[in-house]
Amino acid sequence: MKLPDPLSRRHLLEGTLEASKALALAKAYLEEGREVEAVDFLAAARAGAEGEAEVNEEARSALHGLQETALELGDVFLMRIASGALGEETPQKTWQALADVAKNLGRERDAETALRLATVQG
């Protein structure tokens, strides 16, 4: 599937997008390693999946997978947007674990931010 250019992407997300198409676009972004952009389409798939439990569950599962990816990469931004798309608060222990991973990977800014978020949550 060809990914939309930035303007088309914006129009798709601001318009009425079928849940199945949003999910297909999210998968295409994930295949390209563009996780951050995939989150918007996964959120759109969940929002538009009324009566489509399978699409909603697949989008939800992908978002949980992105939370795991964020933890593995020590990526605060990805964790925040994936959790936000799920409507979940990230637990203190997850922020602490993310901070440890980020520090080990040399991502000092993410480590500091995750520690601050762990403190705020705790």
PDB file of N, CA and C in Angstrom:
ATOM      1  N   MET A   1       0.848  -1.172   0.000  1.00  0.00           N
ATOM      2  CA  MET A   1       0.000   0.000   0.000  1.00  0.00           C
ATOM      3  C   MET A   1       0.896   1.239   0.000  1.00  0.00           C
ATOM      4  N   LYS A   2       0.577   2.168  -0.856  1.00  0.00           N
ATOM      5  CA  LYS A   2       1.328   3.421  -0.941  1.00  0.00           C
ATOM      6  C   LYS A   2       0.889   4.330   0.213  1.00  0.00           C
ATOM      7  N   LEU A   3       1.892   4.859   0.890  1.00  0.00           N
ATOM      8  CA  LEU A   3       1.606   5.763   2.002  1.00  0.00           C
ATOM      9  C   LEU A   3       1.237   7.145   1.470  1.00  0.00           C
ATOM     10  N   PRO A   4       0.299   7.798   2.127  1.00  0.00           N
ATOM     11  CA  PRO A   4      -0.101   9.133   1.672  1.00  0.00           C
ATOM     12  C   PRO A   4       0.985  10.179   1.965  1.00  0.00           C
ATOM     13  N   ASP A   5       0.994  11.220   1.135  1.00  0.00           N
ATOM     14  CA  ASP A   5       1.897  12.335   1.419  1.00  0.00           C
ATOM     15  C   ASP A   5       1.344  13.065   2.652  1.00  0.00           C
ATOM     16  N   PRO A   6       2.137  13.955   3.258  1.00  0.00           N
ATOM     17  CA  PRO A   6       1.696  14.606   4.507  1.00  0.00           C
ATOM     18  C   PRO A   6       0.348  15.317   4.415  1.00  0.00           C
ATOM     19  N   LEU A   7       0.084  16.002   3.319  1.00  0.00           N
ATOM     20  CA  LEU A   7      -1.189  16.707   3.203  1.00  0.00           C
ATOM     21  C   LEU A   7      -2.356  15.722   3.090  1.00  0.00           C
ATOM     22  N   SER A   8      -2.178  14.685   2.290  1.00  0.00           N
ATOM     23  CA  SER A   8      -3.222  13.658   2.156  1.00  0.00           C
ATOM     24  C   SER A   8      -3.451  12.950   3.487  1.00  0.00           C
ATOM     25  N   ARG A   9      -2.365  12.697   4.212  1.00  0.00           N
ATOM     26  CA  ARG A   9      -2.465  12.052   5.516  1.00  0.00           C
ATOM     27  C   ARG A   9      -3.330  12.899   6.454  1.00  0.00           C
ATOM     28  N   ARG A  10      -3.070  14.187   6.440  1.00  0.00           N
ATOM     29  CA  ARG A  10      -3.841  15.099   7.281  1.00  0.00           C
ATOM     30  C   ARG A  10      -5.322  15.076   6.902  1.00  0.00           C
ATOM     31  N   HIS A  11      -5.602  15.119   5.604  1.00  0.00           N
ATOM     32  CA  HIS A  11      -6.997  15.090   5.148  1.00  0.00           C
ATOM     33  C   HIS A  11      -7.682  13.784   5.528  1.00  0.00           C
ATOM     34  N   LEU A  12      -6.945  12.682   5.425  1.00  0.00           N
ATOM     35  CA  LEU A  12      -7.515  11.391   5.810  1.00  0.00           C
ATOM     36  C   LEU A  12      -7.880  11.373   7.292  1.00  0.00           C
ATOM     37  N   LEU A  13      -6.963  11.850   8.116  1.00  0.00           N
ATOM     38  CA  LEU A  13      -7.199  11.815   9.556  1.00  0.00           C
ATOM     39  C   LEU A  13      -8.266  12.799  10.009  1.00  0.00           C
ATOM     40  N   GLU A  14      -8.415  13.902   9.292  1.00  0.00           N
ATOM     41  CA  GLU A  14      -9.419  14.891   9.665  1.00  0.00           C
ATOM     42  C   GLU A  14     -10.795  14.567   9.084  1.00  0.00           C
ATOM     43  N   GLY A  15     -10.827  13.704   8.079  1.00  0.00           N
ATOM     44  CA  GLY A  15     -12.097  13.340   7.452  1.00  0.00           C
ATOM     45  C   GLY A  15     -12.691  12.108   8.097  1.00  0.00           C
ATOM     46  N   THR A  16     -13.637  11.532   7.398  1.00  0.00           N
ATOM     47  CA  THR A  16     -14.231  10.284   7.869  1.00  0.00           C
ATOM     48  C   THR A  16     -13.503   9.144   7.182  1.00  0.00           C
ATOM     49  N   LEU A  17     -12.791   8.391   7.972  1.00  0.00           N
ATOM     50  CA  LEU A  17     -11.949   7.311   7.484  1.00  0.00           C
ATOM     51  C   LEU A  17     -12.494   5.993   8.011  1.00  0.00           C
ATOM     52  N   GLU A  18     -12.748   5.056   7.096  1.00  0.00           N
ATOM     53  CA  GLU A  18     -13.235   3.743   7.519  1.00  0.00           C
ATOM     54  C   GLU A  18     -12.190   3.083   8.410  1.00  0.00           C
ATOM     55  N   ALA A  19     -12.671   2.389   9.424  1.00  0.00           N
ATOM     56  CA  ALA A  19     -11.773   1.746  10.375  1.00  0.00           C
ATOM     57  C   ALA A  19     -10.832   0.766   9.689  1.00  0.00           C
ATOM     58  N   SER A  20     -11.336  -0.008   8.746  1.00  0.00           N
ATOM     59  CA  SER A  20     -10.490  -0.999   8.077  1.00  0.00           C
ATOM     60  C   SER A  20      -9.404  -0.336   7.236  1.00  0.00           C
ATOM     61  N   LYS A  21      -9.717   0.800   6.612  1.00  0.00           N
ATOM     62  CA  LYS A  21      -8.714   1.522   5.831  1.00  0.00           C
ATOM     63  C   LYS A  21      -7.678   2.153   6.762  1.00  0.00           C
ATOM     64  N   ALA A  22      -8.124   2.701   7.882  1.00  0.00           N
ATOM     65  CA  ALA A  22      -7.203   3.281   8.855  1.00  0.00           C
ATOM     66  C   ALA A  22      -6.243   2.203   9.362  1.00  0.00           C
ATOM     67  N   LEU A  23      -6.774   1.015   9.629  1.00  0.00           N
ATOM     68  CA  LEU A  23      -5.936  -0.081  10.106  1.00  0.00           C
ATOM     69  C   LEU A  23      -4.934  -0.505   9.036  1.00  0.00           C
ATOM     70  N   ALA A  24      -5.369  -0.571   7.790  1.00  0.00           N
ATOM     71  CA  ALA A  24      -4.464  -0.935   6.688  1.00  0.00           C
ATOM     72  C   ALA A  24      -3.340   0.098   6.548  1.00  0.00           C
ATOM     73  N   LEU A  25      -3.678   1.365   6.653  1.00  0.00           N
ATOM     74  CA  LEU A  25      -2.650   2.411   6.582  1.00  0.00           C
ATOM     75  C   LEU A  25      -1.690   2.318   7.768  1.00  0.00           C
ATOM     76  N   ALA A  26      -2.221   2.043   8.950  1.00  0.00           N
ATOM     77  CA  ALA A  26      -1.369   1.886  10.134  1.00  0.00           C
ATOM     78  C   ALA A  26      -0.378   0.751   9.919  1.00  0.00           C
ATOM     79  N   LYS A  27      -0.847  -0.354   9.390  1.00  0.00           N
ATOM     80  CA  LYS A  27       0.040  -1.493   9.124  1.00  0.00           C
ATOM     81  C   LYS A  27       1.121  -1.116   8.113  1.00  0.00           C
ATOM     82  N   ALA A  28       0.745  -0.352   7.102  1.00  0.00           N
ATOM     83  CA  ALA A  28       1.722   0.082   6.101  1.00  0.00           C
ATOM     84  C   ALA A  28       2.789   0.966   6.738  1.00  0.00           C
ATOM     85  N   TYR A  29       2.376   1.870   7.611  1.00  0.00           N
ATOM     86  CA  TYR A  29       3.347   2.715   8.313  1.00  0.00           C
ATOM     87  C   TYR A  29       4.254   1.859   9.204  1.00  0.00           C
ATOM     88  N   LEU A  30       3.679   0.871   9.881  1.00  0.00           N
ATOM     89  CA  LEU A  30       4.482   0.005  10.742  1.00  0.00           C
ATOM     90  C   LEU A  30       5.499  -0.793   9.931  1.00  0.00           C
ATOM     91  N   GLU A  31       5.086  -1.265   8.771  1.00  0.00           N
ATOM     92  CA  GLU A  31       6.008  -2.013   7.895  1.00  0.00           C
ATOM     93  C   GLU A  31       7.193  -1.158   7.463  1.00  0.00           C
ATOM     94  N   GLU A  32       6.971   0.148   7.369  1.00  0.00           N
ATOM     95  CA  GLU A  32       8.034   1.081   6.979  1.00  0.00           C
ATOM     96  C   GLU A  32       8.851   1.562   8.188  1.00  0.00           C
ATOM     97  N   GLY A  33       8.488   1.061   9.383  1.00  0.00           N
ATOM     98  CA  GLY A  33       9.197   1.480  10.591  1.00  0.00           C
ATOM     99  C   GLY A  33       8.823   2.873  11.054  1.00  0.00           C
ATOM    100  N   ARG A  34       7.652   3.329  10.653  1.00  0.00           N
ATOM    101  CA  ARG A  34       7.194   4.683  11.002  1.00  0.00           C
ATOM    102  C   ARG A  34       6.104   4.583  12.075  1.00  0.00           C
ATOM    103  N   GLU A  35       6.539   4.161  13.260  1.00  0.00           N
ATOM    104  CA  GLU A  35       5.615   3.876  14.355  1.00  0.00           C
ATOM    105  C   GLU A  35       4.805   5.075  14.793  1.00  0.00           C
ATOM    106  N   VAL A  36       5.448   6.233  14.883  1.00  0.00           N
ATOM    107  CA  VAL A  36       4.756   7.429  15.379  1.00  0.00           C
ATOM    108  C   VAL A  36       3.584   7.775  14.467  1.00  0.00           C
ATOM    109  N   GLU A  37       3.784   7.706  13.169  1.00  0.00           N
ATOM    110  CA  GLU A  37       2.702   8.012  12.235  1.00  0.00           C
ATOM    111  C   GLU A  37       1.623   6.938  12.254  1.00  0.00           C
ATOM    112  N   ALA A  38       2.007   5.713  12.554  1.00  0.00           N
ATOM    113  CA  ALA A  38       1.031   4.621  12.623  1.00  0.00           C
ATOM    114  C   ALA A  38       0.041   4.829  13.766  1.00  0.00           C
ATOM    115  N   VAL A  39       0.497   5.436  14.845  1.00  0.00           N
ATOM    116  CA  VAL A  39      -0.358   5.609  16.027  1.00  0.00           C
ATOM    117  C   VAL A  39      -1.638   6.370  15.679  1.00  0.00           C
ATOM    118  N   ASP A  40      -1.532   7.430  14.889  1.00  0.00           N
ATOM    119  CA  ASP A  40      -2.720   8.211  14.517  1.00  0.00           C
ATOM    120  C   ASP A  40      -3.741   7.347  13.783  1.00  0.00           C
ATOM    121  N   PHE A  41      -3.264   6.499  12.894  1.00  0.00           N
ATOM    122  CA  PHE A  41      -4.183   5.648  12.144  1.00  0.00           C
ATOM    123  C   PHE A  41      -4.735   4.514  13.000  1.00  0.00           C
ATOM    124  N   LEU A  42      -3.954   4.023  13.951  1.00  0.00           N
ATOM    125  CA  LEU A  42      -4.474   3.016  14.879  1.00  0.00           C
ATOM    126  C   LEU A  42      -5.558   3.621  15.760  1.00  0.00           C
ATOM    127  N   ALA A  43      -5.347   4.855  16.197  1.00  0.00           N
ATOM    128  CA  ALA A  43      -6.372   5.546  16.993  1.00  0.00           C
ATOM    129  C   ALA A  43      -7.630   5.767  16.158  1.00  0.00           C
ATOM    130  N   ALA A  44      -7.443   6.144  14.892  1.00  0.00           N
ATOM    131  CA  ALA A  44      -8.589   6.350  14.003  1.00  0.00           C
ATOM    132  C   ALA A  44      -9.325   5.037  13.758  1.00  0.00           C
ATOM    133  N   ALA A  45      -8.581   3.944  13.644  1.00  0.00           N
ATOM    134  CA  ALA A  45      -9.209   2.630  13.447  1.00  0.00           C
ATOM    135  C   ALA A  45     -10.053   2.261  14.657  1.00  0.00           C
ATOM    136  N   ARG A  46      -9.526   2.516  15.845  1.00  0.00           N
ATOM    137  CA  ARG A  46     -10.290   2.215  17.066  1.00  0.00           C
ATOM    138  C   ARG A  46     -11.528   3.090  17.167  1.00  0.00           C
ATOM    139  N   ALA A  47     -11.374   4.366  16.845  1.00  0.00           N
ATOM    140  CA  ALA A  47     -12.502   5.303  16.949  1.00  0.00           C
ATOM    141  C   ALA A  47     -13.597   4.964  15.947  1.00  0.00           C
ATOM    142  N   GLY A  48     -13.217   4.508  14.774  1.00  0.00           N
ATOM    143  CA  GLY A  48     -14.203   4.210  13.728  1.00  0.00           C
ATOM    144  C   GLY A  48     -14.660   2.776  13.689  1.00  0.00           C
ATOM    145  N   ALA A  49     -14.223   1.967  14.646  1.00  0.00           N
ATOM    146  CA  ALA A  49     -14.497   0.527  14.609  1.00  0.00           C
ATOM    147  C   ALA A  49     -15.781   0.131  15.332  1.00  0.00           C
ATOM    148  N   GLU A  50     -16.693   1.057  15.449  1.00  0.00           N
ATOM    149  CA  GLU A  50     -17.962   0.732  16.096  1.00  0.00           C
ATOM    150  C   GLU A  50     -18.626  -0.406  15.333  1.00  0.00           C
ATOM    151  N   GLY A  51     -18.880  -1.485  16.023  1.00  0.00           N
ATOM    152  CA  GLY A  51     -19.484  -2.651  15.385  1.00  0.00           C
ATOM    153  C   GLY A  51     -18.472  -3.536  14.673  1.00  0.00           C
ATOM    154  N   GLU A  52     -17.206  -3.175  14.706  1.00  0.00           N
ATOM    155  CA  GLU A  52     -16.151  -3.964  14.079  1.00  0.00           C
ATOM    156  C   GLU A  52     -15.154  -4.373  15.156  1.00  0.00           C
ATOM    157  N   ALA A  53     -15.559  -5.311  15.972  1.00  0.00           N
ATOM    158  CA  ALA A  53     -14.748  -5.719  17.122  1.00  0.00           C
ATOM    159  C   ALA A  53     -13.371  -6.221  16.701  1.00  0.00           C
ATOM    160  N   GLU A  54     -13.305  -6.912  15.585  1.00  0.00           N
ATOM    161  CA  GLU A  54     -12.019  -7.463  15.136  1.00  0.00           C
ATOM    162  C   GLU A  54     -11.027  -6.355  14.790  1.00  0.00           C
ATOM    163  N   VAL A  55     -11.499  -5.319  14.100  1.00  0.00           N
ATOM    164  CA  VAL A  55     -10.635  -4.187  13.749  1.00  0.00           C
ATOM    165  C   VAL A  55     -10.189  -3.465  15.013  1.00  0.00           C
ATOM    166  N   ASN A  56     -11.121  -3.229  15.925  1.00  0.00           N
ATOM    167  CA  ASN A  56     -10.798  -2.553  17.177  1.00  0.00           C
ATOM    168  C   ASN A  56      -9.750  -3.338  17.957  1.00  0.00           C
ATOM    169  N   GLU A  57      -9.924  -4.656  18.050  1.00  0.00           N
ATOM    170  CA  GLU A  57      -8.986  -5.487  18.801  1.00  0.00           C
ATOM    171  C   GLU A  57      -7.617  -5.516  18.133  1.00  0.00           C
ATOM    172  N   GLU A  58      -7.587  -5.559  16.807  1.00  0.00           N
ATOM    173  CA  GLU A  58      -6.306  -5.568  16.104  1.00  0.00           C
ATOM    174  C   GLU A  58      -5.561  -4.240  16.310  1.00  0.00           C
ATOM    175  N   ALA A  59      -6.287  -3.140  16.249  1.00  0.00           N
ATOM    176  CA  ALA A  59      -5.669  -1.826  16.488  1.00  0.00           C
ATOM    177  C   ALA A  59      -5.190  -1.721  17.928  1.00  0.00           C
ATOM    178  N   ARG A  60      -5.992  -2.183  18.845  1.00  0.00           N
ATOM    179  CA  ARG A  60      -5.634  -2.160  20.266  1.00  0.00           C
ATOM    180  C   ARG A  60      -4.381  -2.988  20.520  1.00  0.00           C
ATOM    181  N   SER A  61      -4.326  -4.160  19.920  1.00  0.00           N
ATOM    182  CA  SER A  61      -3.179  -5.040  20.062  1.00  0.00           C
ATOM    183  C   SER A  61      -1.912  -4.391  19.484  1.00  0.00           C
ATOM    184  N   ALA A  62      -2.049  -3.732  18.344  1.00  0.00           N
ATOM    185  CA  ALA A  62      -0.912  -3.048  17.727  1.00  0.00           C
ATOM    186  C   ALA A  62      -0.411  -1.915  18.621  1.00  0.00           C
ATOM    187  N   LEU A  63      -1.325  -1.199  19.251  1.00  0.00           N
ATOM    188  CA  LEU A  63      -0.927  -0.122  20.161  1.00  0.00           C
ATOM    189  C   LEU A  63      -0.196  -0.678  21.386  1.00  0.00           C
ATOM    190  N   HIS A  64      -0.662  -1.809  21.900  1.00  0.00           N
ATOM    191  CA  HIS A  64       0.054  -2.437  23.013  1.00  0.00           C
ATOM    192  C   HIS A  64       1.441  -2.887  22.557  1.00  0.00           C
ATOM    193  N   GLY A  65       1.538  -3.366  21.326  1.00  0.00           N
ATOM    194  CA  GLY A  65       2.833  -3.732  20.772  1.00  0.00           C
ATOM    195  C   GLY A  65       3.763  -2.533  20.673  1.00  0.00           C
ATOM    196  N   LEU A  66       3.202  -1.381  20.326  1.00  0.00           N
ATOM    197  CA  LEU A  66       4.012  -0.160  20.263  1.00  0.00           C
ATOM    198  C   LEU A  66       4.468   0.277  21.655  1.00  0.00           C
ATOM    199  N   GLN A  67       3.652   0.032  22.662  1.00  0.00           N
ATOM    200  CA  GLN A  67       4.091   0.321  24.028  1.00  0.00           C
ATOM    201  C   GLN A  67       5.303  -0.551  24.385  1.00  0.00           C
ATOM    202  N   GLU A  68       5.252  -1.822  23.971  1.00  0.00           N
ATOM    203  CA  GLU A  68       6.380  -2.718  24.217  1.00  0.00           C
ATOM    204  C   GLU A  68       7.623  -2.246  23.456  1.00  0.00           C
ATOM    205  N   THR A  69       7.428  -1.812  22.215  1.00  0.00           N
ATOM    206  CA  THR A  69       8.537  -1.287  21.414  1.00  0.00           C
ATOM    207  C   THR A  69       9.138  -0.063  22.086  1.00  0.00           C
ATOM    208  N   ALA A  70       8.275   0.815  22.568  1.00  0.00           N
ATOM    209  CA  ALA A  70       8.745   2.028  23.253  1.00  0.00           C
ATOM    210  C   ALA A  70       9.592   1.659  24.464  1.00  0.00           C
ATOM    211  N   LEU A  71       9.163   0.652  25.193  1.00  0.00           N
ATOM    212  CA  LEU A  71       9.912   0.211  26.367  1.00  0.00           C
ATOM    213  C   LEU A  71      11.265  -0.360  25.950  1.00  0.00           C
ATOM    214  N   GLU A  72      11.286  -1.154  24.905  1.00  0.00           N
ATOM    215  CA  GLU A  72      12.542  -1.751  24.416  1.00  0.00           C
ATOM    216  C   GLU A  72      13.521  -0.692  23.906  1.00  0.00           C
ATOM    217  N   LEU A  73      12.988   0.385  23.329  1.00  0.00           N
ATOM    218  CA  LEU A  73      13.826   1.443  22.759  1.00  0.00           C
ATOM    219  C   LEU A  73      14.126   2.577  23.737  1.00  0.00           C
ATOM    220  N   GLY A  74      13.442   2.562  24.883  1.00  0.00           N
ATOM    221  CA  GLY A  74      13.582   3.665  25.830  1.00  0.00           C
ATOM    222  C   GLY A  74      13.018   4.957  25.262  1.00  0.00           C
ATOM    223  N   ASP A  75      11.918   4.848  24.537  1.00  0.00           N
ATOM    224  CA  ASP A  75      11.333   5.976  23.802  1.00  0.00           C
ATOM    225  C   ASP A  75      10.105   6.525  24.527  1.00  0.00           C
ATOM    226  N   VAL A  76      10.299   7.632  25.229  1.00  0.00           N
ATOM    227  CA  VAL A  76       9.223   8.256  26.009  1.00  0.00           C
ATOM    228  C   VAL A  76       8.095   8.743  25.102  1.00  0.00           C
ATOM    229  N   PHE A  77       8.442   9.393  24.003  1.00  0.00           N
ATOM    230  CA  PHE A  77       7.420   9.954  23.126  1.00  0.00           C
ATOM    231  C   PHE A  77       6.501   8.859  22.586  1.00  0.00           C
ATOM    232  N   LEU A  78       7.070   7.764  22.098  1.00  0.00           N
ATOM    233  CA  LEU A  78       6.261   6.673  21.572  1.00  0.00           C
ATOM    234  C   LEU A  78       5.374   6.078  22.660  1.00  0.00           C
ATOM    235  N   MET A  79       5.904   5.932  23.867  1.00  0.00           N
ATOM    236  CA  MET A  79       5.100   5.393  24.971  1.00  0.00           C
ATOM    237  C   MET A  79       3.927   6.322  25.269  1.00  0.00           C
ATOM    238  N   ARG A  80       4.190   7.619  25.299  1.00  0.00           N
ATOM    239  CA  ARG A  80       3.117   8.571  25.613  1.00  0.00           C
ATOM    240  C   ARG A  80       2.003   8.541  24.575  1.00  0.00           C
ATOM    241  N   ILE A  81       2.377   8.540  23.285  1.00  0.00           N
ATOM    242  CA  ILE A  81       1.324   8.608  22.273  1.00  0.00           C
ATOM    243  C   ILE A  81       0.587   7.279  22.127  1.00  0.00           C
ATOM    244  N   ALA A  82       1.287   6.160  22.294  1.00  0.00           N
ATOM    245  CA  ALA A  82       0.614   4.855  22.219  1.00  0.00           C
ATOM    246  C   ALA A  82      -0.351   4.706  23.392  1.00  0.00           C
ATOM    247  N   SER A  83       0.097   5.086  24.578  1.00  0.00           N
ATOM    248  CA  SER A  83      -0.778   5.007  25.761  1.00  0.00           C
ATOM    249  C   SER A  83      -1.957   5.958  25.624  1.00  0.00           C
ATOM    250  N   GLY A  84      -1.684   7.148  25.095  1.00  0.00           N
ATOM    251  CA  GLY A  84      -2.761   8.116  24.882  1.00  0.00           C
ATOM    252  C   GLY A  84      -3.803   7.609  23.907  1.00  0.00           C
ATOM    253  N   ALA A  85      -3.351   6.952  22.846  1.00  0.00           N
ATOM    254  CA  ALA A  85      -4.290   6.405  21.857  1.00  0.00           C
ATOM    255  C   ALA A  85      -5.132   5.283  22.449  1.00  0.00           C
ATOM    256  N   LEU A  86      -4.598   4.626  23.466  1.00  0.00           N
ATOM    257  CA  LEU A  86      -5.350   3.579  24.158  1.00  0.00           C
ATOM    258  C   LEU A  86      -6.229   4.149  25.274  1.00  0.00           C
ATOM    259  N   GLY A  87      -5.987   5.403  25.617  1.00  0.00           N
ATOM    260  CA  GLY A  87      -6.732   6.011  26.716  1.00  0.00           C
ATOM    261  C   GLY A  87      -6.262   5.497  28.066  1.00  0.00           C
ATOM    262  N   GLU A  88      -4.981   5.116  28.134  1.00  0.00           N
ATOM    263  CA  GLU A  88      -4.436   4.548  29.360  1.00  0.00           C
ATOM    264  C   GLU A  88      -3.367   5.457  29.961  1.00  0.00           C
ATOM    265  N   GLU A  89      -3.263   5.420  31.264  1.00  0.00           N
ATOM    266  CA  GLU A  89      -2.159   6.061  31.972  1.00  0.00           C
ATOM    267  C   GLU A  89      -1.032   5.032  32.028  1.00  0.00           C
ATOM    268  N   THR A  90       0.172   5.470  31.775  1.00  0.00           N
ATOM    269  CA  THR A  90       1.314   4.567  31.871  1.00  0.00           C
ATOM    270  C   THR A  90       1.684   4.413  33.343  1.00  0.00           C
ATOM    271  N   PRO A  91       1.763   3.169  33.836  1.00  0.00           N
ATOM    272  CA  PRO A  91       2.070   2.953  35.256  1.00  0.00           C
ATOM    273  C   PRO A  91       3.480   3.419  35.632  1.00  0.00           C
ATOM    274  N   GLN A  92       3.646   3.763  36.889  1.00  0.00           N
ATOM    275  CA  GLN A  92       4.930   4.221  37.412  1.00  0.00           C
ATOM    276  C   GLN A  92       6.035   3.208  37.138  1.00  0.00           C
ATOM    277  N   LYS A  93       5.758   1.925  37.354  1.00  0.00           N
ATOM    278  CA  LYS A  93       6.794   0.901  37.159  1.00  0.00           C
ATOM    279  C   LYS A  93       7.234   0.821  35.698  1.00  0.00           C
ATOM    280  N   THR A  94       6.327   1.115  34.768  1.00  0.00           N
ATOM    281  CA  THR A  94       6.691   1.113  33.349  1.00  0.00           C
ATOM    282  C   THR A  94       7.605   2.282  33.042  1.00  0.00           C
ATOM    283  N   TRP A  95       7.286   3.458  33.595  1.00  0.00           N
ATOM    284  CA  TRP A  95       8.154   4.615  33.393  1.00  0.00           C
ATOM    285  C   TRP A  95       9.535   4.351  33.972  1.00  0.00           C
ATOM    286  N   GLN A  96       9.579   3.719  35.125  1.00  0.00           N
ATOM    287  CA  GLN A  96      10.868   3.413  35.757  1.00  0.00           C
ATOM    288  C   GLN A  96      11.670   2.449  34.871  1.00  0.00           C
ATOM    289  N   ALA A  97      11.004   1.410  34.370  1.00  0.00           N
ATOM    290  CA  ALA A  97      11.684   0.444  33.495  1.00  0.00           C
ATOM    291  C   ALA A  97      12.161   1.122  32.211  1.00  0.00           C
ATOM    292  N   LEU A  98      11.332   1.993  31.659  1.00  0.00           N
ATOM    293  CA  LEU A  98      11.708   2.715  30.447  1.00  0.00           C
ATOM    294  C   LEU A  98      12.917   3.610  30.717  1.00  0.00           C
ATOM    295  N   ALA A  99      12.939   4.245  31.868  1.00  0.00           N
ATOM    296  CA  ALA A  99      14.074   5.096  32.239  1.00  0.00           C
ATOM    297  C   ALA A  99      15.359   4.283  32.310  1.00  0.00           C
ATOM    298  N   ASP A 100      15.276   3.088  32.882  1.00  0.00           N
ATOM    299  CA  ASP A 100      16.455   2.221  32.984  1.00  0.00           C
ATOM    300  C   ASP A 100      16.967   1.823  31.604  1.00  0.00           C
ATOM    301  N   VAL A 101      16.046   1.442  30.718  1.00  0.00           N
ATOM    302  CA  VAL A 101      16.432   1.059  29.359  1.00  0.00           C
ATOM    303  C   VAL A 101      17.034   2.249  28.629  1.00  0.00           C
ATOM    304  N   ALA A 102      16.377   3.393  28.731  1.00  0.00           N
ATOM    305  CA  ALA A 102      16.871   4.592  28.047  1.00  0.00           C
ATOM    306  C   ALA A 102      18.276   4.943  28.519  1.00  0.00           C
ATOM    307  N   LYS A 103      18.493   4.859  29.819  1.00  0.00           N
ATOM    308  CA  LYS A 103      19.820   5.174  30.359  1.00  0.00           C
ATOM    309  C   LYS A 103      20.862   4.199  29.813  1.00  0.00           C
ATOM    310  N   ASN A 104      20.527   2.919  29.785  1.00  0.00           N
ATOM    311  CA  ASN A 104      21.451   1.907  29.268  1.00  0.00           C
ATOM    312  C   ASN A 104      21.745   2.099  27.785  1.00  0.00           C
ATOM    313  N   LEU A 105      20.806   2.693  27.058  1.00  0.00           N
ATOM    314  CA  LEU A 105      20.985   2.928  25.626  1.00  0.00           C
ATOM    315  C   LEU A 105      21.594   4.307  25.331  1.00  0.00           C
ATOM    316  N   GLY A 106      21.894   5.049  26.385  1.00  0.00           N
ATOM    317  CA  GLY A 106      22.489   6.368  26.192  1.00  0.00           C
ATOM    318  C   GLY A 106      21.489   7.442  25.817  1.00  0.00           C
ATOM    319  N   ARG A 107      20.224   7.190  26.051  1.00  0.00           N
ATOM    320  CA  ARG A 107      19.175   8.167  25.759  1.00  0.00           C
ATOM    321  C   ARG A 107      18.879   8.942  27.039  1.00  0.00           C
ATOM    322  N   GLU A 108      19.803   9.811  27.403  1.00  0.00           N
ATOM    323  CA  GLU A 108      19.722  10.511  28.682  1.00  0.00           C
ATOM    324  C   GLU A 108      18.462  11.359  28.836  1.00  0.00           C
ATOM    325  N   ARG A 109      18.086  12.057  27.783  1.00  0.00           N
ATOM    326  CA  ARG A 109      16.894  12.917  27.888  1.00  0.00           C
ATOM    327  C   ARG A 109      15.642  12.072  28.134  1.00  0.00           C
ATOM    328  N   ASP A 110      15.521  10.945  27.411  1.00  0.00           N
ATOM    329  CA  ASP A 110      14.375  10.060  27.636  1.00  0.00           C
ATOM    330  C   ASP A 110      14.426   9.472  29.045  1.00  0.00           C
ATOM    331  N   ALA A 111      15.623   9.123  29.512  1.00  0.00           N
ATOM    332  CA  ALA A 111      15.757   8.575  30.865  1.00  0.00           C
ATOM    333  C   ALA A 111      15.294   9.589  31.909  1.00  0.00           C
ATOM    334  N   GLU A 112      15.731  10.835  31.756  1.00  0.00           N
ATOM    335  CA  GLU A 112      15.331  11.887  32.703  1.00  0.00           C
ATOM    336  C   GLU A 112      13.823  12.131  32.656  1.00  0.00           C
ATOM    337  N   THR A 113      13.274  12.174  31.450  1.00  0.00           N
ATOM    338  CA  THR A 113      11.827  12.412  31.314  1.00  0.00           C
ATOM    339  C   THR A 113      11.032  11.267  31.921  1.00  0.00           C
ATOM    340  N   ALA A 114      11.454  10.034  31.654  1.00  0.00           N
ATOM    341  CA  ALA A 114      10.745   8.873  32.201  1.00  0.00           C
ATOM    342  C   ALA A 114      10.807   8.859  33.720  1.00  0.00           C
ATOM    343  N   LEU A 115      11.953   9.219  34.287  1.00  0.00           N
ATOM    344  CA  LEU A 115      12.067   9.286  35.752  1.00  0.00           C
ATOM    345  C   LEU A 115      11.149  10.356  36.322  1.00  0.00           C
ATOM    346  N   ARG A 116      11.088  11.487  35.639  1.00  0.00           N
ATOM    347  CA  ARG A 116      10.189  12.554  36.096  1.00  0.00           C
ATOM    348  C   ARG A 116       8.737  12.092  36.033  1.00  0.00           C
ATOM    349  N   LEU A 117       8.367  11.400  34.962  1.00  0.00           N
ATOM    350  CA  LEU A 117       7.002  10.900  34.814  1.00  0.00           C
ATOM    351  C   LEU A 117       6.703   9.820  35.856  1.00  0.00           C
ATOM    352  N   ALA A 118       7.696   9.007  36.182  1.00  0.00           N
ATOM    353  CA  ALA A 118       7.505   7.993  37.223  1.00  0.00           C
ATOM    354  C   ALA A 118       7.251   8.647  38.568  1.00  0.00           C
ATOM    355  N   THR A 119       7.928   9.743  38.814  1.00  0.00           N
ATOM    356  CA  THR A 119       7.755  10.477  40.064  1.00  0.00           C
ATOM    357  C   THR A 119       6.384  11.133  40.131  1.00  0.00           C
ATOM    358  N   VAL A 120       5.958  11.702  39.016  1.00  0.00           N
ATOM    359  CA  VAL A 120       4.643  12.355  38.955  1.00  0.00           C
ATOM    360  C   VAL A 120       3.538  11.330  39.137  1.00  0.00           C
ATOM    361  N   GLN A 121       3.701  10.146  38.537  1.00  0.00           N
ATOM    362  CA  GLN A 121       2.692   9.090  38.643  1.00  0.00           C
ATOM    363  C   GLN A 121       2.653   8.490  40.050  1.00  0.00           C
ATOM    364  N   GLY A 122       3.803   8.508  40.732  1.00  0.00           N
ATOM    365  CA  GLY A 122       3.896   7.850  42.032  1.00  0.00           C
ATOM    366  C   GLY A 122       3.479   8.696  43.116  1.00  0.00           C
TER     367      GLY A 122
END
